[in-house]
Amino acid sequence: MLTSGGAMAALSDTIHPFVAIGYTYDDNLLRLGDDTPAGFQRSDRATQAQAGVMVERPFGRQLLTGTAKVSRVTFDHFNQLDYNGKDFDGDLAWQIGNRWSGHLGGSYVETLTPFSDTSTSQRNLRTTRRVNATAAWRFHPSWRLRGGFTRNAYEYELLAQQVNDRDQDLIEFGGDYLARSGSTVGLVARQIKGNYKNPRVVNGVLLVNDFKQNELKASINWLYSGVTQVQVLAGYARREYDVYSVRNSSGFNGRASAKWAPLGKVSFNAEAWREFSAVESLIVNSSLNRGASVGATWAATAKIQATASLRREKRRFELLDDRFSDVDDADDTKSAQLGMTYAPTRATQLSVSLFREQREGSPLAGSRDYRAKGVSLNATVQF
């Protein structure tokens, strides 16, 4: 009996089931352009039901964490978009002695592809698979060497979108100096290889989009004080395509973020980036993105928290032909969000979120001018 009771306690501390339900209204679900003729259905309401389980289990100095959840999403008008979502992820944080540590993990996500770059009313599920492994060797109290591998694989349900099916492999090696304060500074070398499975046809030309990207970046985690933290991963990157080298690009590339909590109940965060990114479009597949975001969190009471954020990003798309160099090949997206969360008990949470998004598009890349706004309501119960 004592053994059985101990096992039940361990199970309840390790496995945490949960259920959630959400409701969303979007006044431009398909992100139709501002020039779309009147009479087209723009708005819709969606209901989402979720069930899942969270796992957290230590094994000596190792820690296993994971989440598994399934969802059912239904739409009031565009019911052809209804789908069953899946989301699974796991991570093993391992430690061998005092010098070796790392992570081994993976994930599987199946969800509806965003409409921001393709405003089709046909269902287009995107499946993302990820595997990753990292290792670090702390050969000195103040110095560490590390390396890692990550593979991301993307597949799309809609036949027209399968030109975006791809595998992306990342290999990195680096070293860090570990300060007594907890701050770290280091250097990391990376190589990213992208392999697109289905070449696309642009202006009658079969275009292979495979690429290789080499990076050398500084990696900084600066604990300036008890209320201020700065993280930077930035440096030089060069992206080269296997075919049609006019698309090659190089220069500064990276991301920096800062967190500041000057008051006990209020904190702020900011982020800026300049980096390459994939585009889920039928015309282009890559862009160089420059953007920034700011946000604030206010813990009004022990049970109520409010958030606000602003974000702006400008994407400059690859040029397929230098004859169009005088045409605007970039779009500009601005978004804002306000949210509030109420946790009446430790196991329950209610939230509401308002959002607004606006884009100035690029005809060269098939990116549209559009506006969208909406509201989301969610409730979660953990057992």
Protein backbone atom coordinates (compact mmCIF):
# COMPACT_ATOMS: atom_id res chain seq x y z
CA MET A 1 0.00 0.00 0.00
CA LEU A 2 2.83 2.41 0.81
CA THR A 3 4.46 1.63 -2.54
CA SER A 4 1.18 2.20 -4.38
CA GLY A 5 0.60 5.54 -2.65
CA GLY A 6 4.10 6.73 -3.50
CA ALA A 7 3.62 5.82 -7.15
CA MET A 8 0.32 7.74 -7.32
CA ALA A 9 1.95 10.82 -5.77
CA ALA A 10 4.81 10.63 -8.27
CA LEU A 11 2.31 10.31 -11.14
CA SER A 12 0.30 13.34 -10.02
CA ASP A 13 3.48 15.40 -9.69
CA THR A 14 4.68 14.33 -13.15
CA ILE A 15 1.61 14.27 -15.40
CA HIS A 16 -0.74 17.26 -15.64
CA PRO A 17 -3.81 16.85 -17.91
CA PHE A 18 -5.62 19.97 -19.13
CA VAL A 19 -8.55 21.05 -21.28
CA ALA A 20 -9.18 24.39 -22.97
CA ILE A 21 -11.80 26.09 -25.09
CA GLY A 22 -11.39 29.23 -27.17
CA TYR A 23 -13.45 31.56 -29.35
CA THR A 24 -12.03 33.94 -31.97
CA TYR A 25 -13.63 36.59 -34.17
CA ASP A 26 -11.60 37.92 -37.13
CA ASP A 27 -13.02 40.59 -39.44
CA ASN A 28 -10.69 39.57 -42.31
CA LEU A 29 -9.89 35.91 -41.78
CA LEU A 30 -8.41 35.25 -45.24
CA ARG A 31 -6.43 38.52 -45.22
CA LEU A 32 -8.18 39.72 -48.37
CA GLY A 33 -6.68 42.81 -49.98
CA ASP A 34 -8.16 46.28 -49.52
CA ASP A 35 -9.00 46.29 -53.25
CA THR A 36 -11.17 43.16 -53.00
CA PRO A 37 -14.64 43.98 -54.45
CA ALA A 38 -17.54 44.34 -52.04
CA GLY A 39 -19.63 41.25 -51.48
CA PHE A 40 -16.81 38.86 -50.59
CA GLN A 41 -17.12 37.25 -47.17
CA ARG A 42 -14.36 38.58 -44.93
CA SER A 43 -15.22 37.90 -41.31
CA ASP A 44 -15.66 34.62 -39.49
CA ARG A 45 -15.83 33.09 -36.03
CA ALA A 46 -13.86 30.06 -34.92
CA THR A 47 -14.25 27.78 -31.92
CA GLN A 48 -11.34 25.70 -30.65
CA ALA A 49 -11.49 22.83 -28.14
CA GLN A 50 -8.25 21.36 -26.77
CA ALA A 51 -7.27 18.45 -24.56
CA GLY A 52 -3.77 17.50 -23.59
CA VAL A 53 -1.22 16.57 -20.99
CA MET A 54 2.01 18.14 -19.73
CA VAL A 55 4.84 15.98 -18.38
CA GLU A 56 7.75 16.95 -16.15
CA ARG A 57 9.83 14.12 -14.72
CA PRO A 58 13.35 14.27 -13.22
CA PHE A 59 15.64 11.23 -13.41
CA GLY A 60 18.56 11.93 -11.14
CA ARG A 61 20.26 14.90 -12.82
CA GLN A 62 18.26 14.47 -16.03
CA LEU A 63 14.92 16.22 -16.65
CA LEU A 64 12.27 15.04 -19.10
CA THR A 65 9.58 17.55 -20.14
CA GLY A 66 6.92 17.38 -22.79
CA THR A 67 3.47 18.38 -23.98
CA ALA A 68 0.91 16.48 -26.02
CA LYS A 69 -2.34 18.07 -27.10
CA VAL A 70 -5.01 17.65 -29.75
CA SER A 71 -7.54 20.26 -30.86
CA ARG A 72 -10.68 20.60 -32.92
CA VAL A 73 -11.18 23.93 -34.71
CA THR A 74 -14.47 24.78 -36.43
CA PHE A 75 -15.50 27.90 -38.38
CA ASP A 76 -19.01 29.37 -38.65
CA HIS A 77 -18.82 30.37 -42.34
CA PHE A 78 -15.69 28.86 -43.91
CA ASN A 79 -16.49 25.40 -42.58
CA GLN A 80 -14.30 23.80 -45.28
CA LEU A 81 -11.39 25.00 -43.12
CA ASP A 82 -12.42 22.89 -40.11
CA TYR A 83 -9.54 20.72 -38.94
CA ASN A 84 -8.08 18.56 -36.19
CA GLY A 85 -4.83 19.98 -34.86
CA LYS A 86 -1.97 18.05 -33.27
CA ASP A 87 0.90 19.37 -31.16
CA PHE A 88 3.52 17.12 -29.53
CA ASP A 89 6.92 18.08 -28.15
CA GLY A 90 9.47 16.59 -25.78
CA ASP A 91 12.88 17.50 -24.39
CA LEU A 92 15.47 15.63 -22.33
CA ALA A 93 17.86 17.93 -20.50
CA TRP A 94 20.83 15.66 -19.72
CA GLN A 95 23.84 16.04 -17.46
CA ILE A 96 26.92 13.79 -17.19
CA GLY A 97 29.21 14.67 -14.33
CA ASN A 98 29.97 18.33 -13.86
CA ARG A 99 31.34 19.01 -17.33
CA TRP A 100 28.94 17.59 -19.91
CA SER A 101 25.34 18.68 -20.52
CA GLY A 102 22.89 19.20 -23.34
CA HIS A 103 19.43 18.64 -24.76
CA LEU A 104 17.78 15.99 -26.93
CA GLY A 105 14.30 16.67 -28.23
CA GLY A 106 11.77 16.95 -30.99
CA SER A 107 8.29 18.12 -31.92
CA TYR A 108 5.40 17.49 -34.30
CA VAL A 109 2.84 20.20 -35.10
CA GLU A 110 -0.10 20.03 -37.49
CA THR A 111 -2.08 23.25 -37.85
CA LEU A 112 -3.73 25.58 -40.35
CA THR A 113 -1.27 27.67 -42.42
CA PRO A 114 -1.65 31.44 -41.82
CA PHE A 115 -3.44 33.38 -44.58
CA SER A 116 -1.09 36.39 -44.55
CA ASP A 117 0.74 35.30 -47.73
CA THR A 118 -1.96 33.17 -49.41
CA SER A 119 -5.60 34.25 -49.10
CA THR A 120 -7.09 30.98 -50.39
CA SER A 121 -10.37 29.74 -48.93
CA GLN A 122 -9.17 26.13 -49.33
CA ARG A 123 -7.87 24.30 -46.29
CA ASN A 124 -4.09 24.14 -46.16
CA LEU A 125 -2.68 22.27 -43.18
CA ARG A 126 1.02 22.67 -42.43
CA THR A 127 2.93 19.83 -40.77
CA THR A 128 6.18 20.75 -39.00
CA ARG A 129 8.61 18.16 -37.66
CA ARG A 130 11.69 19.05 -35.63
CA VAL A 131 14.54 17.05 -34.09
CA ASN A 132 17.43 18.63 -32.21
CA ALA A 133 20.47 17.59 -30.19
CA THR A 134 22.97 19.80 -28.36
CA ALA A 135 26.02 19.15 -26.18
CA ALA A 136 28.23 21.42 -24.08
CA TRP A 137 31.60 20.70 -22.48
CA ARG A 138 32.57 22.93 -19.53
CA PHE A 139 36.28 22.23 -19.57
CA HIS A 140 37.03 25.14 -17.18
CA PRO A 141 34.87 26.93 -14.58
CA SER A 142 34.82 29.99 -16.84
CA TRP A 143 34.88 28.42 -20.30
CA ARG A 144 32.54 26.19 -22.31
CA LEU A 145 32.53 24.63 -25.77
CA ARG A 146 29.22 23.63 -27.37
CA GLY A 147 27.67 22.31 -30.56
CA GLY A 148 24.32 21.24 -31.90
CA PHE A 149 22.19 20.01 -34.76
CA THR A 150 18.58 20.86 -35.63
CA ARG A 151 16.42 19.64 -38.50
CA ASN A 152 13.07 21.25 -39.35
CA ALA A 153 10.84 19.66 -42.00
CA TYR A 154 7.74 21.41 -43.43
CA GLU A 155 4.96 19.84 -45.50
CA TYR A 156 1.77 21.47 -46.84
CA GLU A 157 -1.57 19.83 -47.54
CA LEU A 158 -2.67 22.01 -50.47
CA LEU A 159 -1.15 20.86 -53.78
CA ALA A 160 -0.40 24.42 -54.94
CA GLN A 161 1.45 25.12 -51.66
CA GLN A 162 3.71 22.09 -51.89
CA VAL A 163 6.35 24.22 -53.60
CA ASN A 164 7.10 25.28 -50.00
CA ASP A 165 7.76 21.71 -48.78
CA ARG A 166 11.29 21.77 -47.43
CA ASP A 167 13.90 20.45 -45.00
CA GLN A 168 16.19 22.83 -43.18
CA ASP A 169 19.29 21.60 -41.32
CA LEU A 170 21.32 23.72 -38.90
CA ILE A 171 24.75 22.78 -37.55
CA GLU A 172 26.54 25.05 -35.08
CA PHE A 173 29.71 25.12 -32.99
CA GLY A 174 30.80 27.75 -30.51
CA GLY A 175 32.44 28.71 -27.26
CA ASP A 176 31.44 30.89 -24.31
CA TYR A 177 33.06 32.72 -21.44
CA LEU A 178 31.02 32.28 -18.25
CA ALA A 179 31.26 35.21 -15.85
CA ARG A 180 30.69 34.82 -12.11
CA SER A 181 27.69 37.16 -12.40
CA GLY A 182 25.88 34.61 -14.57
CA SER A 183 26.45 36.57 -17.80
CA THR A 184 27.94 34.81 -20.83
CA VAL A 185 29.68 36.01 -23.97
CA GLY A 186 30.78 33.84 -26.85
CA LEU A 187 31.19 33.21 -30.55
CA VAL A 188 29.20 30.76 -32.67
CA ALA A 189 29.67 29.52 -36.24
CA ARG A 190 26.60 28.16 -38.04
CA GLN A 191 25.68 26.58 -41.32
CA ILE A 192 22.08 26.27 -42.50
CA LYS A 193 21.13 24.17 -45.52
CA GLY A 194 17.69 24.44 -47.08
CA ASN A 195 16.38 21.76 -49.43
CA TYR A 196 13.11 22.47 -51.28
CA LYS A 197 11.50 19.26 -52.50
CA ASN A 198 9.39 20.71 -55.33
CA PRO A 199 10.87 23.40 -57.63
CA ARG A 200 8.50 26.25 -58.50
CA VAL A 201 7.84 27.76 -61.91
CA VAL A 202 8.25 31.56 -62.14
CA ASN A 203 7.64 33.29 -65.50
CA GLY A 204 7.96 29.94 -67.25
CA VAL A 205 11.33 29.16 -65.63
CA LEU A 206 11.83 26.15 -63.34
CA LEU A 207 13.41 27.62 -60.21
CA VAL A 208 15.40 25.52 -57.71
CA ASN A 209 15.37 27.18 -54.27
CA ASP A 210 17.95 25.11 -52.39
CA PHE A 211 20.37 27.33 -50.44
CA LYS A 212 23.30 27.34 -48.03
CA GLN A 213 23.73 30.00 -45.34
CA ASN A 214 26.96 30.51 -43.37
CA GLU A 215 27.01 32.62 -40.21
CA LEU A 216 29.53 33.87 -37.68
CA LYS A 217 27.86 35.58 -34.73
CA ALA A 218 28.47 36.89 -31.25
CA SER A 219 26.32 35.30 -28.54
CA ILE A 220 25.74 37.46 -25.46
CA ASN A 221 23.57 36.99 -22.39
CA TRP A 222 24.20 40.04 -20.22
CA LEU A 223 22.69 40.14 -16.73
CA TYR A 224 23.22 43.85 -16.29
CA SER A 225 21.38 43.93 -12.97
CA GLY A 226 18.62 42.17 -11.08
CA VAL A 227 16.03 43.97 -13.19
CA THR A 228 17.76 44.20 -16.60
CA GLN A 229 18.77 41.41 -18.98
CA VAL A 230 20.05 41.73 -22.57
CA GLN A 231 20.45 38.89 -25.08
CA VAL A 232 22.17 39.20 -28.46
CA LEU A 233 22.86 36.71 -31.26
CA ALA A 234 24.19 38.78 -34.15
CA GLY A 235 26.99 38.98 -36.67
CA TYR A 236 27.68 38.23 -40.33
CA ALA A 237 25.65 35.91 -42.57
CA ARG A 238 25.85 34.99 -46.23
CA ARG A 239 23.08 33.13 -48.08
CA GLU A 240 23.89 31.51 -51.42
CA TYR A 241 21.43 29.75 -53.73
CA ASP A 242 22.36 26.70 -55.77
CA VAL A 243 20.71 28.25 -58.85
CA TYR A 244 20.22 31.88 -59.94
CA SER A 245 22.90 33.64 -57.91
CA VAL A 246 21.31 37.09 -58.35
CA ARG A 247 19.35 36.16 -55.21
CA ASN A 248 22.49 35.76 -53.07
CA SER A 249 22.74 38.12 -50.12
CA SER A 250 25.11 38.86 -47.26
CA GLY A 251 25.65 41.32 -44.43
CA PHE A 252 24.65 41.96 -40.83
CA ASN A 253 22.20 39.42 -39.48
CA GLY A 254 20.89 38.79 -36.00
CA ARG A 255 18.48 39.46 -33.17
CA ALA A 256 18.71 41.36 -29.88
CA SER A 257 16.26 41.45 -26.98
CA ALA A 258 16.03 43.17 -23.62
CA LYS A 259 13.93 42.70 -20.49
CA TRP A 260 13.53 45.40 -17.88
CA ALA A 261 11.53 45.03 -14.67
CA PRO A 262 12.05 48.26 -12.69
CA LEU A 263 8.90 47.75 -10.64
CA GLY A 264 7.63 44.71 -8.84
CA LYS A 265 4.41 44.50 -10.85
CA VAL A 266 5.42 46.05 -14.18
CA SER A 267 7.97 44.75 -16.70
CA PHE A 268 8.95 45.75 -20.23
CA ASN A 269 10.53 43.90 -23.14
CA ALA A 270 11.91 44.96 -26.50
CA GLU A 271 13.33 43.12 -29.49
CA ALA A 272 14.94 44.03 -32.81
CA TRP A 273 16.03 41.78 -35.66
CA ARG A 274 17.48 41.63 -39.15
CA GLU A 275 17.43 38.08 -40.48
CA PHE A 276 16.50 35.83 -43.39
CA SER A 277 13.13 34.10 -43.25
CA ALA A 278 11.01 31.75 -45.35
CA VAL A 279 7.90 33.09 -47.13
CA GLU A 280 4.89 30.81 -47.64
CA SER A 281 4.03 32.28 -51.03
CA LEU A 282 3.53 30.94 -54.54
CA ILE A 283 5.80 33.62 -56.04
CA VAL A 284 8.76 34.04 -53.67
CA ASN A 285 10.14 31.80 -50.95
CA SER A 286 12.57 34.01 -49.02
CA SER A 287 12.89 37.49 -47.57
CA LEU A 288 15.26 39.58 -45.48
CA ASN A 289 13.26 40.83 -42.52
CA ARG A 290 13.91 43.92 -40.42
CA GLY A 291 11.69 44.54 -37.46
CA ALA A 292 11.18 45.59 -33.87
CA SER A 293 8.69 44.96 -31.10
CA VAL A 294 7.96 46.36 -27.65
CA GLY A 295 5.74 45.01 -24.91
CA ALA A 296 4.69 45.50 -21.33
CA THR A 297 3.24 43.25 -18.63
CA TRP A 298 1.37 44.47 -15.56
CA ALA A 299 0.58 42.09 -12.72
CA ALA A 300 -2.35 44.11 -11.39
CA THR A 301 -3.11 41.59 -8.63
CA ALA A 302 -2.10 38.08 -7.72
CA LYS A 303 -4.82 36.81 -10.09
CA ILE A 304 -5.00 39.45 -12.85
CA GLN A 305 -2.34 40.23 -15.46
CA ALA A 306 -2.53 42.67 -18.37
CA THR A 307 -0.28 42.74 -21.45
CA ALA A 308 0.27 45.08 -24.40
CA SER A 309 2.55 44.83 -27.43
CA LEU A 310 3.41 46.61 -30.67
CA ARG A 311 5.26 45.03 -33.59
CA ARG A 312 6.51 46.21 -36.98
CA GLU A 313 8.33 44.22 -39.63
CA LYS A 314 9.50 45.07 -43.14
CA ARG A 315 10.25 42.16 -45.47
CA ARG A 316 12.47 42.70 -48.51
CA PHE A 317 11.93 39.87 -50.95
CA GLU A 318 14.47 38.15 -53.15
CA LEU A 319 14.84 39.71 -56.60
CA LEU A 320 14.27 37.14 -59.32
CA ASP A 321 15.31 39.56 -62.04
CA ASP A 322 17.50 42.66 -61.59
CA ARG A 323 15.41 44.45 -64.24
CA PHE A 324 12.88 45.07 -61.45
CA SER A 325 15.38 46.68 -59.09
CA ASP A 326 13.53 50.01 -59.30
CA VAL A 327 10.25 48.40 -58.17
CA ASP A 328 9.36 48.27 -54.48
CA ASP A 329 10.13 44.68 -53.50
CA ALA A 330 9.19 44.99 -49.81
CA ASP A 331 6.09 44.93 -47.66
CA ASP A 332 5.50 46.48 -44.24
CA THR A 333 3.37 44.92 -41.50
CA LYS A 334 2.27 46.59 -38.26
CA SER A 335 0.39 44.84 -35.47
CA ALA A 336 -0.83 45.61 -31.96
CA GLN A 337 -2.28 43.47 -29.21
CA LEU A 338 -3.91 43.99 -25.82
CA GLY A 339 -4.64 41.16 -23.43
CA MET A 340 -5.83 40.34 -19.95
CA THR A 341 -5.63 37.09 -17.99
CA TYR A 342 -7.59 36.17 -14.87
CA ALA A 343 -6.65 33.11 -12.81
CA PRO A 344 -9.39 32.56 -10.21
CA THR A 345 -7.59 29.43 -8.97
CA ARG A 346 -4.20 27.83 -9.56
CA ALA A 347 -5.77 25.34 -11.96
CA THR A 348 -8.00 27.67 -14.02
CA GLN A 349 -7.28 30.59 -16.32
CA LEU A 350 -9.49 32.94 -18.33
CA SER A 351 -8.08 35.31 -20.94
CA VAL A 352 -9.19 37.87 -23.51
CA SER A 353 -7.08 39.37 -26.29
CA LEU A 354 -7.70 42.15 -28.83
CA PHE A 355 -5.54 42.36 -31.95
CA ARG A 356 -5.10 44.59 -34.99
CA GLU A 357 -2.90 44.06 -38.07
CA GLN A 358 -2.18 46.21 -41.12
CA ARG A 359 0.04 45.53 -44.13
CA GLU A 360 1.31 47.62 -47.01
CA GLY A 361 2.03 44.98 -49.64
CA SER A 362 4.42 44.51 -52.55
CA PRO A 363 2.82 43.70 -55.94
CA LEU A 364 6.15 42.30 -57.15
CA ALA A 365 5.95 39.53 -54.55
CA GLY A 366 2.18 39.12 -54.62
CA SER A 367 1.87 40.61 -51.13
CA ARG A 368 -1.43 42.45 -50.56
CA ASP A 369 -2.49 45.62 -48.75
CA TYR A 370 -4.90 44.52 -46.02
CA ARG A 371 -6.30 45.33 -42.59
CA ALA A 372 -7.60 42.92 -39.96
CA LYS A 373 -8.73 43.07 -36.36
CA GLY A 374 -10.43 40.75 -33.93
CA VAL A 375 -10.83 39.33 -30.44
CA SER A 376 -10.04 36.00 -28.77
CA LEU A 377 -11.49 34.49 -25.60
CA ASN A 378 -9.95 31.43 -23.93
CA ALA A 379 -10.51 29.30 -20.84
CA THR A 380 -8.12 26.62 -19.53
CA VAL A 381 -8.46 24.09 -16.71
CA GLN A 382 -5.54 21.97 -15.48
CA PHE A 383 -6.11 18.83 -13.42
